[in-house]
C-alpha atoms as a PDB file:
ATOM      1  CA  MET A   1     -21.786  28.578  21.136  1.00  0.00           C
ATOM      2  CA  GLU A   2     -19.204  29.067  18.422  1.00  0.00           C
ATOM      3  CA  GLY A   3     -17.816  25.596  19.115  1.00  0.00           C
ATOM      4  CA  SER A   4     -21.301  24.090  18.909  1.00  0.00           C
ATOM      5  CA  GLY A   5     -21.891  25.747  15.546  1.00  0.00           C
ATOM      6  CA  ALA A   6     -18.570  24.469  14.198  1.00  0.00           C
ATOM      7  CA  LYS A   7     -19.620  20.883  14.967  1.00  0.00           C
ATOM      8  CA  HIS A   8     -22.619  21.293  12.652  1.00  0.00           C
ATOM      9  CA  GLU A   9     -20.602  22.802   9.787  1.00  0.00           C
ATOM     10  CA  LEU A  10     -21.202  20.788   6.611  1.00  0.00           C
ATOM     11  CA  LEU A  11     -18.132  19.644   4.661  1.00  0.00           C
ATOM     12  CA  SER A  12     -18.023  18.318   1.109  1.00  0.00           C
ATOM     13  CA  VAL A  13     -16.527  14.939   0.210  1.00  0.00           C
ATOM     14  CA  ASP A  14     -13.620  16.676  -1.516  1.00  0.00           C
ATOM     15  CA  GLU A  15     -12.890  18.760   1.597  1.00  0.00           C
ATOM     16  CA  VAL A  16     -12.886  15.658   3.823  1.00  0.00           C
ATOM     17  CA  ALA A  17     -10.747  13.710   1.347  1.00  0.00           C
ATOM     18  CA  SER A  18      -8.215  16.543   1.118  1.00  0.00           C
ATOM     19  CA  TYR A  19      -8.056  16.904   4.894  1.00  0.00           C
ATOM     20  CA  LEU A  20      -7.507  13.159   5.472  1.00  0.00           C
ATOM     21  CA  GLY A  21      -5.163  12.641   2.515  1.00  0.00           C
ATOM     22  CA  VAL A  22      -7.326   9.980   0.861  1.00  0.00           C
ATOM     23  CA  GLY A  23      -9.263   9.805  -2.401  1.00  0.00           C
ATOM     24  CA  PRO A  24     -12.892  11.009  -2.642  1.00  0.00           C
ATOM     25  CA  ILE A  25     -13.980   7.479  -3.583  1.00  0.00           C
ATOM     26  CA  THR A  26     -12.790   6.283  -0.159  1.00  0.00           C
ATOM     27  CA  VAL A  27     -14.900   8.928   1.609  1.00  0.00           C
ATOM     28  CA  TYR A  28     -17.925   7.946  -0.524  1.00  0.00           C
ATOM     29  CA  ARG A  29     -17.422   4.312   0.507  1.00  0.00           C
ATOM     30  CA  TRP A  30     -17.173   5.226   4.207  1.00  0.00           C
ATOM     31  CA  CYS A  31     -20.432   7.182   3.921  1.00  0.00           C
ATOM     32  CA  ARG A  32     -22.252   4.370   2.091  1.00  0.00           C
ATOM     33  CA  GLU A  33     -21.033   1.820   4.657  1.00  0.00           C
ATOM     34  CA  GLY A  34     -22.126   4.075   7.542  1.00  0.00           C
ATOM     35  CA  ARG A  35     -18.615   4.278   9.000  1.00  0.00           C
ATOM     36  CA  LEU A  36     -18.619   8.052   8.437  1.00  0.00           C
ATOM     37  CA  PRO A  37     -22.146   9.423   8.985  1.00  0.00           C
ATOM     38  CA  GLY A  38     -23.145  11.769   6.160  1.00  0.00           C
ATOM     39  CA  LEU A  39     -26.152  13.579   4.730  1.00  0.00           C
ATOM     40  CA  LYS A  40     -27.387  13.257   1.162  1.00  0.00           C
ATOM     41  CA  VAL A  41     -28.103  16.759  -0.189  1.00  0.00           C
ATOM     42  CA  GLY A  42     -29.470  16.172  -3.657  1.00  0.00           C
ATOM     43  CA  LYS A  43     -26.900  13.861  -5.269  1.00  0.00           C
ATOM     44  CA  ALA A  44     -24.007  15.027  -3.086  1.00  0.00           C
ATOM     45  CA  TRP A  45     -22.835  13.825   0.303  1.00  0.00           C
ATOM     46  CA  ARG A  46     -22.210  16.296   3.106  1.00  0.00           C
ATOM     47  CA  ILE A  47     -20.424  15.418   6.360  1.00  0.00           C
ATOM     48  CA  ARG A  48     -20.908  17.341   9.607  1.00  0.00           C
ATOM     49  CA  ARG A  49     -17.655  18.521  11.211  1.00  0.00           C
ATOM     50  CA  GLY A  50     -18.713  16.856  14.483  1.00  0.00           C
ATOM     51  CA  ALA A  51     -19.252  13.507  12.719  1.00  0.00           C
ATOM     52  CA  LEU A  52     -15.774  13.763  11.173  1.00  0.00           C
ATOM     53  CA  ASP A  53     -14.241  14.535  14.582  1.00  0.00           C
ATOM     54  CA  ASP A  54     -15.975  11.466  16.080  1.00  0.00           C
ATOM     55  CA  PHE A  55     -14.756   9.329  13.163  1.00  0.00           C
ATOM     56  CA  LEU A  56     -11.163  10.462  13.736  1.00  0.00           C
ATOM     57  CA  ARG A  57     -11.362   9.769  17.475  1.00  0.00           C
ATOM     58  CA  ARG A  58     -12.613   6.225  16.793  1.00  0.00           C
ATOM     59  CA  SER A  59      -9.827   5.720  14.249  1.00  0.00           C
ATOM     60  CA  GLU A  60      -7.168   6.878  16.704  1.00  0.00           C
ATOM     61  CA  ARG A  61      -8.403   4.451  19.372  1.00  0.00           C
ATOM     62  CA  GLY A  62      -8.280   1.463  17.033  1.00  0.00           C
ATOM     63  CA  GLN A  63      -6.049   2.558  14.172  1.00  0.00           C
ATOM     64  CA  SER A  64      -6.282   0.121  11.291  1.00  0.00           C
ATOM     65  CA  LEU A  65      -3.357  -1.328   9.359  1.00  0.00           C
ATOM     66  CA  VAL A  66      -4.581   0.571   6.289  1.00  0.00           C
ATOM     67  CA  SER A  67      -4.508   3.918   8.109  1.00  0.00           C
ATOM     68  CA  ARG A  68      -1.020   3.243   9.461  1.00  0.00           C
ATOM     69  CA  LEU A  69       0.279   2.374   6.001  1.00  0.00           C
ATOM     70  CA  ASN A  70      -1.482   5.397   4.513  1.00  0.00           C
ATOM     71  CA  ALA A  71       0.510   7.632   6.854  1.00  0.00           C
ATOM     72  CA  PHE A  72       3.727   5.709   6.101  1.00  0.00           C
ATOM     73  CA  PHE A  73       3.863   5.369   2.303  1.00  0.00           C
ATOM     74  CA  THR A  74       4.861   8.217   0.015  1.00  0.00           C
ATOM     75  CA  VAL A  75       4.944   8.518  -3.780  1.00  0.00           C
ATOM     76  CA  PRO A  76       7.441   7.447  -4.994  1.00  0.00           C
ATOM     77  CA  ASP A  77       8.562   4.866  -2.465  1.00  0.00           C
ATOM     78  CA  HIS A  78      10.583   1.658  -2.127  1.00  0.00           C
ATOM     79  CA  VAL A  79       9.885  -0.449   0.958  1.00  0.00           C
ATOM     80  CA  ILE A  80      10.864  -3.902   2.198  1.00  0.00           C
ATOM     81  CA  VAL A  81       8.547  -5.933   4.445  1.00  0.00           C
ATOM     82  CA  ILE A  82       9.475  -8.822   6.726  1.00  0.00           C
ATOM     83  CA  ALA A  83       6.457 -10.929   7.754  1.00  0.00           C
ATOM     84  CA  THR A  84       6.382 -13.812  10.213  1.00  0.00           C
ATOM     85  CA  THR A  85       3.644 -15.739   8.363  1.00  0.00           C
ATOM     86  CA  LEU A  86       2.236 -16.016   4.861  1.00  0.00           C
ATOM     87  CA  GLU A  87      -1.203 -14.934   6.084  1.00  0.00           C
ATOM     88  CA  LEU A  88       0.208 -11.737   7.593  1.00  0.00           C
ATOM     89  CA  LEU A  89       2.170 -11.104   4.413  1.00  0.00           C
ATOM     90  CA  HIS A  90      -1.038 -11.267   2.365  1.00  0.00           C
ATOM     91  CA  ARG A  91      -2.905  -9.142   4.905  1.00  0.00           C
ATOM     92  CA  LEU A  92      -0.260  -6.440   4.509  1.00  0.00           C
ATOM     93  CA  ASP A  93      -0.487  -6.808   0.713  1.00  0.00           C
ATOM     94  CA  ALA A  94      -4.222  -6.106   0.927  1.00  0.00           C
ATOM     95  CA  ALA A  95      -3.708  -3.029   3.121  1.00  0.00           C
ATOM     96  CA  PHE A  96      -1.009  -1.798   0.715  1.00  0.00           C
ATOM     97  CA  PHE A  97      -3.428  -2.079  -2.207  1.00  0.00           C
ATOM     98  CA  GLN A  98      -6.187  -0.291  -0.269  1.00  0.00           C
ATOM     99  CA  VAL A  99      -3.815   2.624   0.282  1.00  0.00           C
ATOM    100  CA  GLY A 100      -2.908   2.595  -3.419  1.00  0.00           C
ATOM    101  CA  GLU A 101      -6.589   2.569  -4.409  1.00  0.00           C
ATOM    102  CA  ALA A 102      -7.309   5.534  -2.124  1.00  0.00           C
ATOM    103  CA  ARG A 103      -4.429   7.417  -3.809  1.00  0.00           C
ATOM    104  CA  ASP A 104      -6.031   6.698  -7.231  1.00  0.00           C
ATOM    105  CA  GLY A 105      -3.136   4.421  -8.183  1.00  0.00           C
ATOM    106  CA  MET A 106      -2.821   1.507 -10.596  1.00  0.00           C
ATOM    107  CA  LEU A 107      -2.402  -1.711  -8.557  1.00  0.00           C
ATOM    108  CA  ILE A 108      -0.072  -4.487  -9.716  1.00  0.00           C
ATOM    109  CA  LYS A 109       0.439  -7.850  -8.002  1.00  0.00           C
ATOM    110  CA  CYS A 110       3.457  -9.759  -9.340  1.00  0.00           C
ATOM    111  CA  TYR A 111       3.087 -13.371  -8.297  1.00  0.00           C
ATOM    112  CA  ALA A 112       6.083 -15.322  -9.612  1.00  0.00           C
ATOM    113  CA  GLY A 113       7.670 -15.280  -6.151  1.00  0.00           C
ATOM    114  CA  GLU A 114       4.535 -16.800  -4.575  1.00  0.00           C
ATOM    115  CA  THR A 115       3.552 -20.381  -3.824  1.00  0.00           C
ATOM    116  CA  THR A 116      -0.109 -19.333  -3.772  1.00  0.00           C
ATOM    117  CA  SER A 117      -2.225 -19.435  -6.947  1.00  0.00           C
ATOM    118  CA  VAL A 118      -3.746 -16.309  -8.456  1.00  0.00           C
ATOM    119  CA  ASP A 119      -7.250 -17.458  -7.461  1.00  0.00           C
ATOM    120  CA  GLU A 120      -6.086 -17.966  -3.855  1.00  0.00           C
ATOM    121  CA  LEU A 121      -4.416 -14.547  -3.845  1.00  0.00           C
ATOM    122  CA  ARG A 122      -7.563 -12.948  -5.242  1.00  0.00           C
ATOM    123  CA  ALA A 123      -9.643 -14.602  -2.498  1.00  0.00           C
ATOM    124  CA  ALA A 124      -7.196 -13.538   0.248  1.00  0.00           C
ATOM    125  CA  PHE A 125      -7.136  -9.894  -0.859  1.00  0.00           C
ATOM    126  CA  THR A 126     -10.939  -9.834  -1.123  1.00  0.00           C
ATOM    127  CA  ARG A 127     -11.227 -11.324   2.376  1.00  0.00           C
ATOM    128  CA  TYR A 128      -9.050  -8.513   3.715  1.00  0.00           C
ATOM    129  CA  GLY A 129     -11.125  -5.750   2.142  1.00  0.00           C
ATOM    130  CA  VAL A 130      -9.862  -5.224  -1.424  1.00  0.00           C
ATOM    131  CA  ASP A 131     -12.674  -5.225  -4.003  1.00  0.00           C
ATOM    132  CA  VAL A 132     -10.511  -7.089  -6.512  1.00  0.00           C
ATOM    133  CA  ALA A 133     -13.340  -7.954  -8.933  1.00  0.00           C
ATOM    134  CA  ARG A 134     -14.459  -4.325  -9.234  1.00  0.00           C
ATOM    135  CA  LEU A 135     -10.905  -3.023  -9.575  1.00  0.00           C
ATOM    136  CA  GLU A 136     -10.003  -5.618 -12.206  1.00  0.00           C
ATOM    137  CA  ALA A 137     -13.149  -4.766 -14.177  1.00  0.00           C
ATOM    138  CA  ALA A 138     -12.189  -1.081 -14.031  1.00  0.00           C
ATOM    139  CA  GLY A 139      -8.638  -1.839 -15.219  1.00  0.00           C
ATOM    140  CA  ARG A 140      -7.199  -0.653 -11.888  1.00  0.00           C
ATOM    141  CA  PHE A 141      -5.898  -4.018 -10.592  1.00  0.00           C
ATOM    142  CA  ARG A 142      -3.709  -6.453 -12.504  1.00  0.00           C
ATOM    143  CA  PHE A 143      -2.051  -9.754 -11.655  1.00  0.00           C
ATOM    144  CA  MET A 144       1.251  -9.899 -13.514  1.00  0.00           C
ATOM    145  CA  ALA A 145       3.118 -13.096 -14.285  1.00  0.00           C
ATOM    146  CA  GLU A 146       6.889 -12.994 -14.628  1.00  0.00           C
ATOM    147  CA  GLU A 147       8.878 -15.277 -16.879  1.00  0.00           C
ATOM    148  CA  ASN A 148      11.845 -15.030 -14.545  1.00  0.00           C
ATOM    149  CA  PRO A 149      11.296 -13.520 -11.074  1.00  0.00           C
ATOM    150  CA  HIS A 150      15.068 -13.234 -10.608  1.00  0.00           C
ATOM    151  CA  SER A 151      15.575 -10.676 -13.385  1.00  0.00           C
ATOM    152  CA  GLY A 152      13.753  -8.287 -15.677  1.00  0.00           C
ATOM    153  CA  ARG A 153      11.436  -6.728 -13.094  1.00  0.00           C
ATOM    154  CA  ALA A 154      12.715  -3.204 -13.659  1.00  0.00           C
ATOM    155  CA  GLU A 155      12.227  -3.505 -17.415  1.00  0.00           C
ATOM    156  CA  ALA A 156       8.711  -4.927 -16.969  1.00  0.00           C
ATOM    157  CA  LEU A 157       7.800  -1.943 -14.782  1.00  0.00           C
ATOM    158  CA  ARG A 158       9.240   0.511 -17.311  1.00  0.00           C
ATOM    159  CA  GLN A 159       6.917  -0.976 -19.910  1.00  0.00           C
ATOM    160  CA  LEU A 160       3.947  -0.715 -17.546  1.00  0.00           C
ATOM    161  CA  LEU A 161       4.718   2.927 -16.806  1.00  0.00           C
ATOM    162  CA  ALA A 162       4.646   3.624 -20.546  1.00  0.00           C
ATOM    163  CA  THR A 163       1.153   2.148 -21.086  1.00  0.00           C
ATOM    164  CA  PRO A 164      -1.904   4.420 -21.480  1.00  0.00           C
ATOM    165  CA  ALA A 165      -3.613   2.678 -18.511  1.00  0.00           C
ATOM    166  CA  SER A 166      -1.018   4.077 -16.099  1.00  0.00           C
ATOM    167  CA  GLU A 167      -0.958   7.585 -17.546  1.00  0.00           C
ATOM    168  CA  GLY A 168      -1.538  10.114 -14.798  1.00  0.00           C
ATOM    169  CA  ARG A 169      -1.586   7.420 -12.092  1.00  0.00           C
ATOM    170  CA  SER A 170       1.020   6.251  -9.631  1.00  0.00           C
ATOM    171  CA  LEU A 171       1.876   2.552  -9.903  1.00  0.00           C
ATOM    172  CA  TRP A 172       1.583   0.473  -6.692  1.00  0.00           C
ATOM    173  CA  VAL A 173       3.495  -2.782  -7.149  1.00  0.00           C
ATOM    174  CA  SER A 174       3.747  -5.738  -4.777  1.00  0.00           C
ATOM    175  CA  PHE A 175       6.476  -8.398  -4.996  1.00  0.00           C
ATOM    176  CA  ASN A 176       6.776 -11.235  -2.480  1.00  0.00           C
ATOM    177  CA  TRP A 177       9.473 -13.791  -1.724  1.00  0.00           C
ATOM    178  CA  VAL A 178       8.015 -16.735   0.168  1.00  0.00           C
ATOM    179  CA  LYS A 179      10.700 -19.228  -0.871  1.00  0.00           C
ATOM    180  CA  GLN A 180      14.455 -19.138  -0.416  1.00  0.00           C
ATOM    181  CA  VAL A 181      16.078 -16.717  -2.857  1.00  0.00           C
ATOM    182  CA  ASP A 182      19.692 -16.236  -3.828  1.00  0.00           C
ATOM    183  CA  LEU A 183      20.741 -13.213  -1.783  1.00  0.00           C
ATOM    184  CA  ASP A 184      23.118 -11.645  -4.319  1.00  0.00           C
ATOM    185  CA  THR A 185      20.441 -11.908  -7.010  1.00  0.00           C
ATOM    186  CA  ALA A 186      17.816 -10.389  -4.722  1.00  0.00           C
ATOM    187  CA  LEU A 187      20.046  -7.463  -3.738  1.00  0.00           C
ATOM    188  CA  ARG A 188      20.986  -6.730  -7.352  1.00  0.00           C
ATOM    189  CA  GLN A 189      17.316  -6.755  -8.324  1.00  0.00           C
ATOM    190  CA  GLN A 190      16.348  -4.427  -5.476  1.00  0.00           C
ATOM    191  CA  ARG A 191      19.071  -1.964  -6.484  1.00  0.00           C
ATOM    192  CA  GLU A 192      17.669  -1.890 -10.035  1.00  0.00           C
ATOM    193  CA  LEU A 193      14.153  -1.313  -8.730  1.00  0.00           C
ATOM    194  CA  GLY A 194      15.369   1.430  -6.397  1.00  0.00           C
ATOM    195  CA  ALA A 195      16.980   3.274  -9.316  1.00  0.00           C
ATOM    196  CA  LEU A 196      13.685   3.087 -11.212  1.00  0.00           C
ATOM    197  CA  VAL A 197      11.693   4.417  -8.235  1.00  0.00           C
ATOM    198  CA  ASP A 198      13.931   7.490  -8.104  1.00  0.00           C
ATOM    199  CA  THR A 199      12.710   8.591 -11.545  1.00  0.00           C
ATOM    200  CA  SER A 200       9.062   7.392 -11.599  1.00  0.00           C
ATOM    201  CA  GLU A 201       5.688   7.640  -9.857  1.00  0.00           C
ATOM    202  CA  LEU A 202       6.288   4.166  -8.448  1.00  0.00           C
ATOM    203  CA  VAL A 203       5.530   2.662  -5.053  1.00  0.00           C
ATOM    204  CA  ILE A 204       7.220  -0.735  -4.722  1.00  0.00           C
ATOM    205  CA  LYS A 205       6.749  -3.079  -1.778  1.00  0.00           C
ATOM    206  CA  THR A 206       8.834  -6.244  -1.635  1.00  0.00           C
ATOM    207  CA  ALA A 207       7.896  -8.655   1.153  1.00  0.00           C
ATOM    208  CA  VAL A 208       9.972 -11.536   2.499  1.00  0.00           C
ATOM    209  CA  LEU A 209       9.004 -14.227   4.980  1.00  0.00           C
ATOM    210  CA  GLU A 210      10.983 -14.019   8.211  1.00  0.00           C
ATOM    211  CA  GLN A 211      12.147 -17.622   7.830  1.00  0.00           C
ATOM    212  CA  VAL A 212      13.875 -16.594   4.587  1.00  0.00           C
ATOM    213  CA  VAL A 213      15.514 -13.513   6.112  1.00  0.00           C
ATOM    214  CA  ASP A 214      16.736 -15.564   9.082  1.00  0.00           C
ATOM    215  CA  THR A 215      19.059 -17.476   6.726  1.00  0.00           C
ATOM    216  CA  TRP A 216      20.786 -14.242   5.653  1.00  0.00           C
ATOM    217  CA  PRO A 217      23.903 -13.078   7.530  1.00  0.00           C
ATOM    218  CA  SER A 218      23.257 -10.054   9.767  1.00  0.00           C
ATOM    219  CA  ALA A 219      25.470  -7.814   7.635  1.00  0.00           C
ATOM    220  CA  GLU A 220      23.493  -8.748   4.514  1.00  0.00           C
ATOM    221  CA  GLN A 221      20.205  -8.065   6.266  1.00  0.00           C
ATOM    222  CA  ARG A 222      21.437  -4.542   7.010  1.00  0.00           C
ATOM    223  CA  ARG A 223      22.536  -4.119   3.393  1.00  0.00           C
ATOM    224  CA  ALA A 224      19.091  -5.200   2.187  1.00  0.00           C
ATOM    225  CA  GLN A 225      17.319  -2.711   4.461  1.00  0.00           C
ATOM    226  CA  ALA A 226      19.668   0.103   3.420  1.00  0.00           C
ATOM    227  CA  LEU A 227      18.652  -0.401  -0.241  1.00  0.00           C
ATOM    228  CA  HIS A 228      15.093   0.654   0.626  1.00  0.00           C
ATOM    229  CA  GLN A 229      13.546   3.901   1.799  1.00  0.00           C
ATOM    230  CA  GLY A 230      11.614   2.129   4.552  1.00  0.00           C
ATOM    231  CA  THR A 231      11.197  -1.168   6.388  1.00  0.00           C
ATOM    232  CA  ILE A 232       8.086  -2.819   7.808  1.00  0.00           C
ATOM    233  CA  TRP A 233       8.104  -5.734  10.270  1.00  0.00           C
ATOM    234  CA  ILE A 234       4.746  -7.443  10.811  1.00  0.00           C
ATOM    235  CA  ALA A 235       3.954 -10.178  13.351  1.00  0.00           C
ATOM    236  CA  GLU A 236       0.937 -11.289  15.358  1.00  0.00           C
ATOM    237  CA  THR A 237       2.189  -9.071  18.198  1.00  0.00           C
ATOM    238  CA  GLY A 238       2.148  -5.917  16.067  1.00  0.00           C
ATOM    239  CA  VAL A 239       3.655  -3.936  13.213  1.00  0.00           C
ATOM    240  CA  ALA A 240       6.784  -1.742  13.194  1.00  0.00           C
ATOM    241  CA  LEU A 241       7.460   0.878  10.525  1.00  0.00           C
ATOM    242  CA  SER A 242      10.766   2.675  10.094  1.00  0.00           C
ATOM    243  CA  ARG A 243      12.389   5.039   7.597  1.00  0.00           C
ATOM    244  CA  VAL A 244      15.970   5.470   6.415  1.00  0.00           C
ATOM    245  CA  ALA A 245      16.905   9.088   7.129  1.00  0.00           C
ATOM    246  CA  PRO A 246      19.677  10.901   5.201  1.00  0.00           C
ATOM    247  CA  LEU A 247      22.867  11.347   7.189  1.00  0.00           C
ATOM    248  CA  PRO A 248      22.955  14.930   8.515  1.00  0.00           C
ATOM    249  CA  PRO A 249      25.809  17.113   7.234  1.00  0.00           C
ATOM    250  CA  THR A 250      28.826  17.537   9.490  1.00  0.00           C
END
């Protein structure tokens, strides 16, 4: 009987959000959409423990890309992504931004390395579940042009971190390379970004199309991965996530 009573225990949105490691706004959205059944008590939502358990079981059976990335990314973080297609690259971008939104972050899409227009990017992210219009209106999402995508990114991010809009928020930044890039330039840039991540509330994801990476020598591919705290490979067959672990002491 004790187990039966526990299933009917009512939890607040804040308790559910804390337990799942997401923002309260995400739990509110799940309740409004009916994905997480809840009760309206006055103006507040309450979720039965049993309904939360059912929600978690459904999530485990068909774990979404967003939930996998939510468990993978930390703050701060510096991750490289290799995607087999442009569509998959943008799908991962959208999931990345959904994780950043749930963590109450400021979302930045730098698009100088893209061949896709801002309007096309906006449409792609919206199609994959990011409410870009609402986030832009709230000052939480920003498309950022770059005068020179081969240099100056670290300085541009330092300036963003110093703005009032980012005060108290982590900064979730997406860079993509969909065209061939000079490898030495790319590696130098990633080192500069990595140094900035070490001292800031920054989460940086740099994605590269597989056809670009395939032109890099194997040794340089390993060097590129070693500059980042994690690597993600995404293809139609699935997604692989890995972390660089410190070398244990002798």
